[in-house]
């Protein structure tokens, strides 16, 4: 479960960086929060009211989290995908949140399905609130040249 949550956070970090010109971080967080809240509300209450309450709470929480998402971490993660040599770890500690990350990207490759988009797989160790979680993820360049986590 924690690995899934970490994947969502990392995906949001890169996605929010890639969509910065279209919507504010708060708007993006609100949309994501509304969907997540609705799903959780439905799972807990199993009725329309619970779903709507979940969506409302998720919208508010998502907006707050979206606005608080740190540009520093997004910049560092994009920097690791862009410049870190394959197999070499890049690390940083966010001076405001205390969270630390270690990213070890692998060599870039091109998917046969999309030969114009380079991708990189990476191992990411994130330490948040004293707990370290490891996940593997892949990021590919979007049309704007920014790295975006893939599902």
Protein backbone atom coordinates (compact mmCIF):
# COMPACT_ATOMS: atom_id res chain seq x y z
CA UNK A 1 0.00 0.00 0.00
CA UNK A 2 2.79 2.43 0.86
CA UNK A 3 4.53 1.69 -2.44
CA UNK A 4 1.31 2.52 -4.28
CA UNK A 5 1.01 5.78 -2.35
CA UNK A 6 4.62 6.60 -3.15
CA UNK A 7 4.01 5.91 -6.84
CA UNK A 8 1.03 8.27 -6.76
CA UNK A 9 3.10 11.00 -5.08
CA UNK A 10 5.95 10.61 -7.56
CA UNK A 11 3.57 10.53 -10.51
CA UNK A 12 1.98 13.71 -9.25
CA UNK A 13 5.36 15.35 -8.83
CA UNK A 14 6.24 14.80 -12.47
CA UNK A 15 2.72 15.26 -13.83
CA UNK A 16 2.26 18.55 -12.05
CA UNK A 17 5.56 19.76 -13.46
CA UNK A 18 4.43 18.77 -16.95
CA UNK A 19 1.02 20.44 -16.71
CA UNK A 20 2.09 23.65 -15.02
CA UNK A 21 1.17 25.80 -18.01
CA UNK A 22 -2.43 24.51 -18.27
CA UNK A 23 -3.69 24.31 -14.69
CA UNK A 24 -2.50 25.42 -11.29
CA UNK A 25 -1.11 22.84 -8.89
CA UNK A 26 -4.14 23.39 -6.68
CA UNK A 27 -6.56 22.72 -9.56
CA UNK A 28 -4.72 19.56 -10.54
CA UNK A 29 -4.70 18.37 -6.94
CA UNK A 30 -8.41 19.13 -6.58
CA UNK A 31 -9.29 17.03 -9.62
CA UNK A 32 -7.14 14.12 -8.46
CA UNK A 33 -8.46 14.45 -4.89
CA UNK A 34 -12.08 14.53 -6.02
CA UNK A 35 -11.70 11.27 -7.93
CA UNK A 36 -9.79 9.56 -5.15
CA UNK A 37 -12.20 10.85 -2.50
CA UNK A 38 -15.21 9.63 -4.46
CA UNK A 39 -13.71 6.15 -4.79
CA UNK A 40 -12.86 6.00 -1.08
CA UNK A 41 -16.28 7.39 -0.11
CA UNK A 42 -18.03 4.76 -2.21
CA UNK A 43 -15.87 1.98 -0.79
CA UNK A 44 -16.62 3.03 2.78
CA UNK A 45 -20.28 4.07 2.59
CA UNK A 46 -21.47 2.20 -0.49
CA UNK A 47 -24.03 4.91 -1.31
CA UNK A 48 -24.31 8.18 -3.23
CA UNK A 49 -24.04 10.40 -0.16
CA UNK A 50 -20.76 8.81 0.92
CA UNK A 51 -19.43 9.11 -2.61
CA UNK A 52 -20.34 12.81 -2.79
CA UNK A 53 -18.91 13.52 0.66
CA UNK A 54 -15.71 11.67 -0.33
CA UNK A 55 -15.46 13.71 -3.54
CA UNK A 56 -15.98 16.97 -1.64
CA UNK A 57 -13.42 16.16 1.04
CA UNK A 58 -11.01 14.83 -1.61
CA UNK A 59 -11.37 18.03 -3.62
CA UNK A 60 -10.45 20.18 -0.63
CA UNK A 61 -7.59 17.95 0.50
CA UNK A 62 -6.29 17.60 -3.08
CA UNK A 63 -6.33 21.35 -3.56
CA UNK A 64 -4.38 21.89 -0.35
CA UNK A 65 -1.84 19.17 -1.17
CA UNK A 66 -1.51 20.40 -4.75
CA UNK A 67 -0.69 23.88 -3.54
CA UNK A 68 1.80 22.52 -1.03
CA UNK A 69 3.58 20.24 -3.48
CA UNK A 70 7.13 21.45 -3.52
CA UNK A 71 8.65 22.75 -6.73
CA UNK A 72 12.06 21.87 -5.33
CA UNK A 73 11.31 18.11 -5.39
CA UNK A 74 9.81 18.24 -8.90
CA UNK A 75 12.87 20.09 -10.15
CA UNK A 76 15.26 17.63 -8.51
CA UNK A 77 13.41 14.59 -9.87
CA UNK A 78 13.34 15.99 -13.40
CA UNK A 79 17.04 16.86 -13.05
CA UNK A 80 17.84 13.26 -12.08
CA UNK A 81 16.03 11.88 -15.13
CA UNK A 82 17.64 14.46 -17.41
CA UNK A 83 21.25 14.57 -16.23
CA UNK A 84 22.12 11.71 -13.86
CA UNK A 85 24.48 9.14 -15.37
CA UNK A 86 22.99 5.66 -15.69
CA UNK A 87 23.56 3.56 -12.60
CA UNK A 88 24.69 6.52 -10.47
CA UNK A 89 22.58 7.65 -7.57
CA UNK A 90 21.37 11.23 -7.28
CA UNK A 91 20.09 12.31 -3.87
CA UNK A 92 18.55 15.33 -2.26
CA UNK A 93 16.87 16.38 0.93
CA UNK A 94 14.12 18.94 0.79
CA UNK A 95 15.11 21.70 3.22
CA UNK A 96 11.48 22.64 3.91
CA UNK A 97 9.81 19.23 4.31
CA UNK A 98 12.77 17.11 5.46
CA UNK A 99 11.89 14.43 2.91
CA UNK A 100 14.81 12.82 1.15
CA UNK A 101 15.05 11.00 -2.15
CA UNK A 102 17.64 8.82 -3.87
CA UNK A 103 17.12 8.20 -7.58
CA UNK A 104 19.22 5.77 -9.62
CA UNK A 105 18.26 6.02 -13.31
CA UNK A 106 19.05 3.34 -15.87
CA UNK A 107 20.08 3.93 -19.50
CA UNK A 108 17.59 5.70 -21.73
CA UNK A 109 15.74 3.63 -24.28
CA UNK A 110 13.12 4.16 -26.96
CA UNK A 111 9.88 2.19 -26.93
CA UNK A 112 8.95 0.58 -30.25
CA UNK A 113 5.39 1.82 -29.67
CA UNK A 114 6.56 5.46 -29.48
CA UNK A 115 9.97 5.76 -31.16
CA UNK A 116 10.14 9.54 -30.72
CA UNK A 117 9.93 9.46 -26.89
CA UNK A 118 12.99 8.44 -24.88
CA UNK A 119 12.28 6.73 -21.56
CA UNK A 120 14.32 5.87 -18.47
CA UNK A 121 13.64 3.37 -15.73
CA UNK A 122 14.79 4.29 -12.22
CA UNK A 123 14.94 2.98 -8.69
CA UNK A 124 13.62 5.56 -6.25
CA UNK A 125 14.17 5.45 -2.49
CA UNK A 126 12.03 7.98 -0.65
CA UNK A 127 12.31 8.69 3.06
CA UNK A 128 9.18 10.39 4.35
CA UNK A 129 8.46 10.77 8.05
CA UNK A 130 11.36 8.44 8.89
CA UNK A 131 10.12 5.58 6.68
CA UNK A 132 12.05 4.56 3.57
CA UNK A 133 10.20 3.04 0.64
CA UNK A 134 11.71 1.67 -2.56
CA UNK A 135 9.92 1.67 -5.89
CA UNK A 136 10.82 1.25 -9.52
CA UNK A 137 9.35 3.54 -12.10
CA UNK A 138 9.69 4.62 -15.69
CA UNK A 139 9.54 8.18 -16.98
CA UNK A 140 9.26 9.21 -20.63
CA UNK A 141 9.58 12.61 -22.25
CA UNK A 142 6.39 14.40 -23.21
CA UNK A 143 6.01 16.75 -26.18
CA UNK A 144 7.32 19.64 -24.04
CA UNK A 145 10.52 17.71 -23.28
CA UNK A 146 9.65 17.08 -19.62
CA UNK A 147 9.87 13.67 -17.96
CA UNK A 148 6.51 12.13 -17.03
CA UNK A 149 6.03 8.97 -14.98
CA UNK A 150 4.35 6.15 -16.88
CA UNK A 151 1.65 3.82 -15.50
